[in-house]
């Protein structure tokens, strides 16, 4: 195996990254459409269908982080602190402030998808201010807090990636401690009623917990993007790992739902579960090695698809931020949810409806200088 930095150093656009970013963005929207504002009863056909659909897009956020790592962590790509803070972090912070204001004021009090009764008093003001500061009521703004922290630490991560053996050490350490062990603890507790709470508590008290398991994806994105596997059998191994991860996610989730007799959105569905890690590794490398030439051919010969994908890729950040607002408006004023019709056929249509509507809104908003 030889290290290859051609993807990062070449001025030619890496189209498969754009396609993967668009896919990850769509999967986020699909995921949220599958379970928000509906009661998933796994004892019914519709509930079982939605539970399966919920499991399909798991891993969408780690895909975003892998992409960020592949683009930001190349030691040869110099990002001055002035650019890091003045461009990237500043953009994230402004977006966080704007959308936190929207979700905690306009979305909460005007759209009011839950039809809550609000009373203007001191306690309500405190709740609103707390929500704005902490980015509540969006359900997905946590990602901005995390990415800001990740970008702040990027110069440190770039020092790590200068030595690939050190970078691999960090990735393996983080995956074992924060991906494999927590998943194993859940597995033993659910299927064998064996509680490893002491180990779980120790890991949760570890200073790197949340940053640790996402850092694995961040560094891994760079390592996988710059690693050329000349021996095809290694690529095949990763495909197998991805397939096993994908299948095990559904088997473990279905078994958990059966044992607990309810839809469980947490167990074996978290971004640091080893089955999710395995899945996103397979998907990332499948795009890089299996689909890249096919994607390049399409992008170079079909101008419409080229413009569409690049525009969606550019709008993906905005789509991520705005899709919950669009979903809330649709649910509030049209009464449409993932259970409005037979979810087996309706869920993909509903997810696509929310995605395309949000993409259109963001495309139009980008004509306004602020956006």
Protein backbone atom coordinates (compact mmCIF):
# COMPACT_ATOMS: atom_id res chain seq x y z
CA UNK A 1 0.00 0.00 0.00
CA UNK A 2 1.26 3.44 -0.92
CA UNK A 3 0.23 6.78 0.41
CA UNK A 4 -1.15 9.05 -2.22
CA UNK A 5 -2.09 12.69 -1.77
CA UNK A 6 -3.20 13.23 -5.35
CA UNK A 7 -6.83 13.72 -4.37
CA UNK A 8 -5.94 16.61 -2.09
CA UNK A 9 -3.16 18.19 -4.13
CA UNK A 10 -4.83 18.09 -7.51
CA UNK A 11 -6.72 21.20 -8.55
CA UNK A 12 -9.25 18.98 -10.28
CA UNK A 13 -12.49 18.77 -8.34
CA UNK A 14 -13.12 15.46 -6.60
CA UNK A 15 -16.66 14.83 -7.77
CA UNK A 16 -17.32 11.73 -5.71
CA UNK A 17 -16.93 13.87 -2.58
CA UNK A 18 -19.72 16.14 -3.87
CA UNK A 19 -21.97 13.16 -4.53
CA UNK A 20 -21.25 11.72 -1.10
CA UNK A 21 -21.99 15.08 0.54
CA UNK A 22 -25.34 15.32 -1.26
CA UNK A 23 -26.18 11.75 -0.25
CA UNK A 24 -25.29 12.42 3.40
CA UNK A 25 -27.45 15.54 3.36
CA UNK A 26 -30.41 13.68 1.88
CA UNK A 27 -30.01 10.90 4.44
CA UNK A 28 -30.15 13.41 7.32
CA UNK A 29 -33.45 14.77 5.99
CA UNK A 30 -34.79 11.25 5.37
CA UNK A 31 -33.83 10.20 8.89
CA UNK A 32 -35.65 13.07 10.56
CA UNK A 33 -38.72 12.69 8.34
CA UNK A 34 -39.02 9.04 9.33
CA UNK A 35 -39.75 9.54 13.02
CA UNK A 36 -40.55 13.16 13.91
CA UNK A 37 -44.18 13.80 14.90
CA UNK A 38 -45.28 10.17 14.58
CA UNK A 39 -45.66 7.34 17.05
CA UNK A 40 -43.78 4.31 15.73
CA UNK A 41 -45.47 1.19 17.05
CA UNK A 42 -43.24 -1.71 15.99
CA UNK A 43 -46.09 -4.15 16.63
CA UNK A 44 -47.85 -2.81 13.53
CA UNK A 45 -46.89 -3.09 9.85
CA UNK A 46 -46.53 0.68 9.42
CA UNK A 47 -44.43 0.96 12.55
CA UNK A 48 -42.15 -1.83 11.42
CA UNK A 49 -41.71 -0.19 8.00
CA UNK A 50 -40.82 3.17 9.56
CA UNK A 51 -38.43 1.49 11.98
CA UNK A 52 -36.63 -0.11 9.03
CA UNK A 53 -36.59 3.19 7.13
CA UNK A 54 -35.20 4.89 10.22
CA UNK A 55 -32.27 2.47 10.20
CA UNK A 56 -31.35 3.01 6.53
CA UNK A 57 -29.78 6.50 6.79
CA UNK A 58 -27.97 5.98 10.11
CA UNK A 59 -24.37 7.13 9.74
CA UNK A 60 -25.19 10.25 7.73
CA UNK A 61 -23.50 12.61 10.20
CA UNK A 62 -20.26 10.55 10.36
CA UNK A 63 -20.16 10.77 6.55
CA UNK A 64 -20.15 14.57 6.84
CA UNK A 65 -17.27 14.37 9.32
CA UNK A 66 -15.28 11.96 7.13
CA UNK A 67 -15.67 14.42 4.26
CA UNK A 68 -14.53 17.34 6.44
CA UNK A 69 -11.48 15.40 7.55
CA UNK A 70 -10.60 14.44 3.99
CA UNK A 71 -10.63 18.12 2.97
CA UNK A 72 -9.20 19.88 6.04
CA UNK A 73 -6.54 17.64 7.54
CA UNK A 74 -4.01 17.37 4.75
CA UNK A 75 -0.80 18.76 6.35
CA UNK A 76 0.21 20.15 2.95
CA UNK A 77 -2.96 22.23 2.76
CA UNK A 78 -2.11 25.29 4.83
CA UNK A 79 -5.04 26.97 6.54
CA UNK A 80 -3.84 30.12 8.37
CA UNK A 81 -5.54 30.80 11.69
CA UNK A 82 -6.88 34.04 10.23
CA UNK A 83 -8.67 32.07 7.51
CA UNK A 84 -9.76 29.32 9.90
CA UNK A 85 -11.38 31.77 12.32
CA UNK A 86 -12.24 34.59 9.91
CA UNK A 87 -13.86 32.37 7.28
CA UNK A 88 -14.82 28.90 8.46
CA UNK A 89 -15.52 29.36 12.18
CA UNK A 90 -17.06 32.80 11.64
CA UNK A 91 -19.45 31.33 9.07
CA UNK A 92 -20.42 28.54 11.46
CA UNK A 93 -20.97 30.95 14.35
CA UNK A 94 -23.16 33.31 12.31
CA UNK A 95 -25.20 30.35 11.07
CA UNK A 96 -25.58 29.08 14.63
CA UNK A 97 -26.80 32.46 15.90
CA UNK A 98 -29.25 32.96 13.02
CA UNK A 99 -30.79 29.50 13.09
CA UNK A 100 -30.87 29.32 16.87
CA UNK A 101 -32.86 32.57 16.86
CA UNK A 102 -35.17 31.18 14.17
CA UNK A 103 -35.84 27.83 15.84
CA UNK A 104 -36.29 29.26 19.33
CA UNK A 105 -38.42 32.25 18.37
CA UNK A 106 -40.14 31.98 14.98
CA UNK A 107 -40.34 28.20 14.83
CA UNK A 108 -41.27 27.81 18.49
CA UNK A 109 -43.81 30.62 18.83
CA UNK A 110 -45.16 31.26 15.31
CA UNK A 111 -44.94 27.95 13.45
CA UNK A 112 -45.50 26.13 16.74
CA UNK A 113 -45.79 22.65 15.23
CA UNK A 114 -46.69 21.17 18.63
CA UNK A 115 -49.48 23.74 19.14
CA UNK A 116 -48.19 24.57 22.61
CA UNK A 117 -49.79 27.26 24.73
CA UNK A 118 -47.30 30.03 25.41
CA UNK A 119 -47.66 32.81 27.95
CA UNK A 120 -45.47 35.89 27.84
CA UNK A 121 -43.82 36.07 31.25
CA UNK A 122 -40.37 36.08 32.84
CA UNK A 123 -40.11 32.29 32.90
CA UNK A 124 -40.99 32.07 29.21
CA UNK A 125 -38.33 34.67 28.40
CA UNK A 126 -35.73 32.72 30.36
CA UNK A 127 -36.67 29.54 28.49
CA UNK A 128 -36.38 31.31 25.13
CA UNK A 129 -33.00 32.87 25.98
CA UNK A 130 -31.67 29.53 27.26
CA UNK A 131 -32.87 27.85 24.08
CA UNK A 132 -31.15 30.45 21.90
CA UNK A 133 -27.85 30.19 23.77
CA UNK A 134 -27.85 26.37 23.79
CA UNK A 135 -29.29 25.94 20.29
CA UNK A 136 -32.35 24.04 21.47
CA UNK A 137 -35.62 23.35 19.61
CA UNK A 138 -33.87 22.63 16.33
CA UNK A 139 -32.95 19.10 17.27
CA UNK A 140 -29.91 19.21 15.03
CA UNK A 141 -28.04 22.42 15.91
CA UNK A 142 -25.80 20.42 18.26
CA UNK A 143 -23.79 19.61 15.15
CA UNK A 144 -22.75 23.27 14.77
CA UNK A 145 -21.44 23.43 18.34
CA UNK A 146 -19.48 20.27 17.70
CA UNK A 147 -18.05 21.35 14.32
CA UNK A 148 -16.95 24.71 15.73
CA UNK A 149 -15.00 22.82 18.40
CA UNK A 150 -13.63 20.45 15.78
CA UNK A 151 -12.41 23.33 13.61
CA UNK A 152 -10.83 25.07 16.60
CA UNK A 153 -8.82 21.88 17.22
CA UNK A 154 -7.97 21.39 13.53
CA UNK A 155 -4.41 22.81 13.83
CA UNK A 156 -3.75 20.18 16.53
CA UNK A 157 -5.25 17.41 14.39
CA UNK A 158 -3.09 18.52 11.46
CA UNK A 159 -0.01 18.03 13.63
CA UNK A 160 -1.23 14.48 14.27
CA UNK A 161 -1.82 13.73 10.58
CA UNK A 162 1.73 14.81 9.69
CA UNK A 163 2.77 11.38 10.96
CA UNK A 164 0.44 8.75 9.57
CA UNK A 165 1.44 6.08 12.08
CA UNK A 166 0.51 8.45 14.93
CA UNK A 167 -2.77 9.32 13.18
CA UNK A 168 -3.66 5.63 12.78
CA UNK A 169 -2.81 5.09 16.46
CA UNK A 170 -5.28 7.81 17.48
CA UNK A 171 -7.99 6.42 15.18
CA UNK A 172 -7.60 2.84 16.43
CA UNK A 173 -7.56 4.03 20.06
CA UNK A 174 -10.69 6.16 19.64
CA UNK A 175 -12.58 3.42 17.77
CA UNK A 176 -11.80 0.79 20.41
CA UNK A 177 -12.58 3.01 23.42
CA UNK A 178 -15.50 5.05 22.07
CA UNK A 179 -17.02 2.86 19.35
CA UNK A 180 -16.44 -0.83 20.04
CA UNK A 181 -16.61 -0.94 23.86
CA UNK A 182 -19.86 1.13 24.22
CA UNK A 183 -21.51 -1.03 21.55
CA UNK A 184 -20.34 -4.19 23.33
CA UNK A 185 -21.73 -2.86 26.63
CA UNK A 186 -25.15 -2.25 25.01
CA UNK A 187 -25.07 -5.70 23.40
CA UNK A 188 -24.34 -7.49 26.68
CA UNK A 189 -26.98 -5.51 28.56
CA UNK A 190 -29.80 -6.03 26.05
CA UNK A 191 -29.21 -9.60 24.94
CA UNK A 192 -27.67 -11.15 28.06
CA UNK A 193 -28.90 -8.78 30.79
CA UNK A 194 -25.27 -8.37 31.87
CA UNK A 195 -24.59 -4.87 33.14
CA UNK A 196 -21.15 -3.34 32.56
CA UNK A 197 -22.17 0.03 33.99
CA UNK A 198 -18.83 0.55 35.74
CA UNK A 199 -16.95 0.40 32.44
CA UNK A 200 -19.60 2.56 30.79
CA UNK A 201 -19.38 5.20 33.54
CA UNK A 202 -15.59 5.22 33.28
CA UNK A 203 -15.69 5.88 29.55
CA UNK A 204 -18.32 8.60 29.93
CA UNK A 205 -16.15 10.37 32.48
CA UNK A 206 -13.20 10.21 30.11
CA UNK A 207 -12.21 13.72 29.07
CA UNK A 208 -12.34 12.94 25.34
CA UNK A 209 -15.66 11.12 25.17
CA UNK A 210 -17.80 12.97 22.61
CA UNK A 211 -14.87 14.65 20.91
CA UNK A 212 -13.07 11.32 20.89
CA UNK A 213 -15.58 9.31 18.95
CA UNK A 214 -16.12 12.02 16.36
CA UNK A 215 -12.38 12.71 16.13
CA UNK A 216 -11.95 9.15 14.90
CA UNK A 217 -14.12 9.98 11.87
CA UNK A 218 -12.37 13.32 11.31
CA UNK A 219 -8.86 11.85 11.20
CA UNK A 220 -10.04 8.72 9.41
CA UNK A 221 -11.52 10.82 6.60
CA UNK A 222 -8.08 12.20 5.82
CA UNK A 223 -6.33 8.83 6.16
CA UNK A 224 -8.74 6.97 3.90
CA UNK A 225 -8.83 9.72 1.29
CA UNK A 226 -5.05 9.84 0.98
CA UNK A 227 -4.45 6.10 1.21
CA UNK A 228 -4.27 4.24 -2.09
CA UNK A 229 -4.95 0.54 -1.70
CA UNK A 230 -3.17 -0.98 -4.68
CA UNK A 231 -4.14 -4.48 -3.62
CA UNK A 232 -7.83 -4.83 -4.41
CA UNK A 233 -8.36 -7.42 -1.70
CA UNK A 234 -7.98 -4.71 0.98
CA UNK A 235 -10.71 -2.66 -0.70
CA UNK A 236 -12.91 -5.76 -0.82
CA UNK A 237 -12.32 -6.28 2.90
CA UNK A 238 -13.63 -2.77 3.59
CA UNK A 239 -16.70 -3.42 1.42
CA UNK A 240 -17.39 -6.57 3.43
CA UNK A 241 -16.91 -4.64 6.68
CA UNK A 242 -19.42 -2.05 5.44
CA UNK A 243 -21.99 -4.68 4.44
CA UNK A 244 -21.61 -6.53 7.75
CA UNK A 245 -22.02 -3.23 9.61
CA UNK A 246 -25.15 -2.33 7.64
CA UNK A 247 -26.77 -5.74 8.12
CA UNK A 248 -25.82 -5.94 11.80
CA UNK A 249 -27.37 -2.51 12.39
CA UNK A 250 -30.75 -3.76 11.22
CA UNK A 251 -30.46 -7.13 12.96
CA UNK A 252 -29.45 -5.55 16.27
CA UNK A 253 -32.09 -2.81 16.06
CA UNK A 254 -34.86 -5.23 15.07
CA UNK A 255 -33.89 -7.62 17.86
CA UNK A 256 -33.78 -4.77 20.39
CA UNK A 257 -37.23 -3.55 19.31
CA UNK A 258 -38.55 -7.11 19.60
CA UNK A 259 -37.11 -7.63 23.10
CA UNK A 260 -38.21 -4.22 24.39
CA UNK A 261 -41.49 -4.29 22.42
CA UNK A 262 -41.03 -0.68 21.32
CA UNK A 263 -39.15 1.42 18.78
CA UNK A 264 -35.72 2.19 20.24
CA UNK A 265 -33.98 5.08 18.48
CA UNK A 266 -30.88 4.89 20.65
CA UNK A 267 -29.47 1.37 20.94
CA UNK A 268 -27.14 0.43 18.07
CA UNK A 269 -28.17 3.62 16.27
CA UNK A 270 -25.68 6.06 17.77
CA UNK A 271 -22.95 7.57 15.61
CA UNK A 272 -20.29 5.91 17.76
CA UNK A 273 -21.73 2.38 17.60
CA UNK A 274 -19.19 0.11 15.92
CA UNK A 275 -21.81 -1.17 13.44
CA UNK A 276 -22.37 2.42 12.25
CA UNK A 277 -18.60 2.96 12.02
CA UNK A 278 -18.26 -0.16 9.87
CA UNK A 279 -21.07 0.98 7.58
CA UNK A 280 -19.72 4.46 6.89
CA UNK A 281 -16.21 3.11 6.21
CA UNK A 282 -17.65 0.84 3.55
CA UNK A 283 -19.76 3.61 2.01
CA UNK A 284 -16.87 6.11 1.95
CA UNK A 285 -14.49 3.70 0.21
CA UNK A 286 -17.23 2.42 -2.12
CA UNK A 287 -17.64 5.96 -3.44
CA UNK A 288 -13.88 6.48 -3.69
CA UNK A 289 -12.99 3.26 -5.49
CA UNK A 290 -16.13 1.84 -7.07
CA UNK A 291 -18.15 4.89 -8.05
CA UNK A 292 -15.54 7.61 -8.65
CA UNK A 293 -14.84 6.80 -12.33
CA UNK A 294 -18.55 6.38 -13.08
CA UNK A 295 -19.30 9.68 -11.31
CA UNK A 296 -16.49 11.48 -13.17
CA UNK A 297 -17.86 10.24 -16.48
CA UNK A 298 -21.35 11.53 -15.67
CA UNK A 299 -20.11 14.89 -14.38
CA UNK A 300 -17.92 15.47 -17.42
CA UNK A 301 -20.54 14.49 -20.00
CA UNK A 302 -23.84 15.63 -18.53
CA UNK A 303 -23.94 19.37 -17.88
CA UNK A 304 -27.35 19.29 -16.20
CA UNK A 305 -26.38 16.67 -13.62
CA UNK A 306 -23.03 18.43 -13.13
CA UNK A 307 -24.70 21.72 -12.28
CA UNK A 308 -27.38 20.05 -10.17
CA UNK A 309 -24.97 18.03 -8.01
CA UNK A 310 -22.52 20.90 -7.55
CA UNK A 311 -25.33 23.26 -6.60
CA UNK A 312 -26.79 20.74 -4.14
CA UNK A 313 -23.30 20.19 -2.72
CA UNK A 314 -22.88 23.93 -2.23
CA UNK A 315 -26.30 24.15 -0.58
CA UNK A 316 -25.89 21.05 1.60
CA UNK A 317 -24.89 23.00 4.72
CA UNK A 318 -27.92 25.26 4.37
CA UNK A 319 -30.19 22.30 3.66
CA UNK A 320 -28.97 20.65 6.85
CA UNK A 321 -29.75 23.76 8.89
CA UNK A 322 -33.13 24.56 7.33
CA UNK A 323 -34.70 21.16 6.74
CA UNK A 324 -36.25 20.92 10.22
CA UNK A 325 -37.88 24.32 9.69
CA UNK A 326 -39.36 23.13 6.39
CA UNK A 327 -40.46 19.83 7.95
CA UNK A 328 -42.18 21.66 10.81
CA UNK A 329 -44.01 24.00 8.42
CA UNK A 330 -45.18 21.10 6.25
CA UNK A 331 -46.37 19.09 9.26
CA UNK A 332 -48.04 22.12 10.89
CA UNK A 333 -49.92 23.49 7.89
CA UNK A 334 -50.49 20.48 5.61
CA UNK A 335 -50.76 17.80 8.34
CA UNK A 336 -48.52 15.55 6.24
CA UNK A 337 -46.24 13.13 8.11
CA UNK A 338 -44.47 9.90 7.28
CA UNK A 339 -47.66 8.05 8.28
CA UNK A 340 -50.09 10.05 6.12
CA UNK A 341 -50.16 7.20 3.60
CA UNK A 342 -48.72 3.70 3.38
CA UNK A 343 -45.15 4.44 4.59
CA UNK A 344 -43.68 1.67 2.43
CA UNK A 345 -44.26 3.92 -0.60
CA UNK A 346 -44.92 7.30 1.01
CA UNK A 347 -41.83 7.63 3.20
CA UNK A 348 -39.33 7.96 0.28
CA UNK A 349 -41.69 10.46 -1.39
CA UNK A 350 -42.14 12.45 1.82
CA UNK A 351 -38.39 12.54 2.50
CA UNK A 352 -37.70 13.66 -1.07
CA UNK A 353 -40.45 16.30 -0.83
CA UNK A 354 -38.89 17.85 2.28
CA UNK A 355 -35.39 17.64 0.78
CA UNK A 356 -36.29 19.25 -2.57
CA UNK A 357 -38.39 21.94 -0.89
CA UNK A 358 -35.55 22.80 1.48
CA UNK A 359 -33.00 22.77 -1.35
CA UNK A 360 -35.19 25.17 -3.35
CA UNK A 361 -35.55 27.51 -0.36
CA UNK A 362 -31.79 27.54 0.27
CA UNK A 363 -31.05 28.06 -3.44
CA UNK A 364 -33.28 31.15 -3.44
CA UNK A 365 -31.94 32.44 -0.11
CA UNK A 366 -28.39 32.32 -1.47
CA UNK A 367 -29.29 35.23 -3.76
CA UNK A 368 -29.55 37.34 -0.59
CA UNK A 369 -26.04 38.60 0.40
CA UNK A 370 -26.38 37.55 4.07
CA UNK A 371 -26.88 33.92 3.07
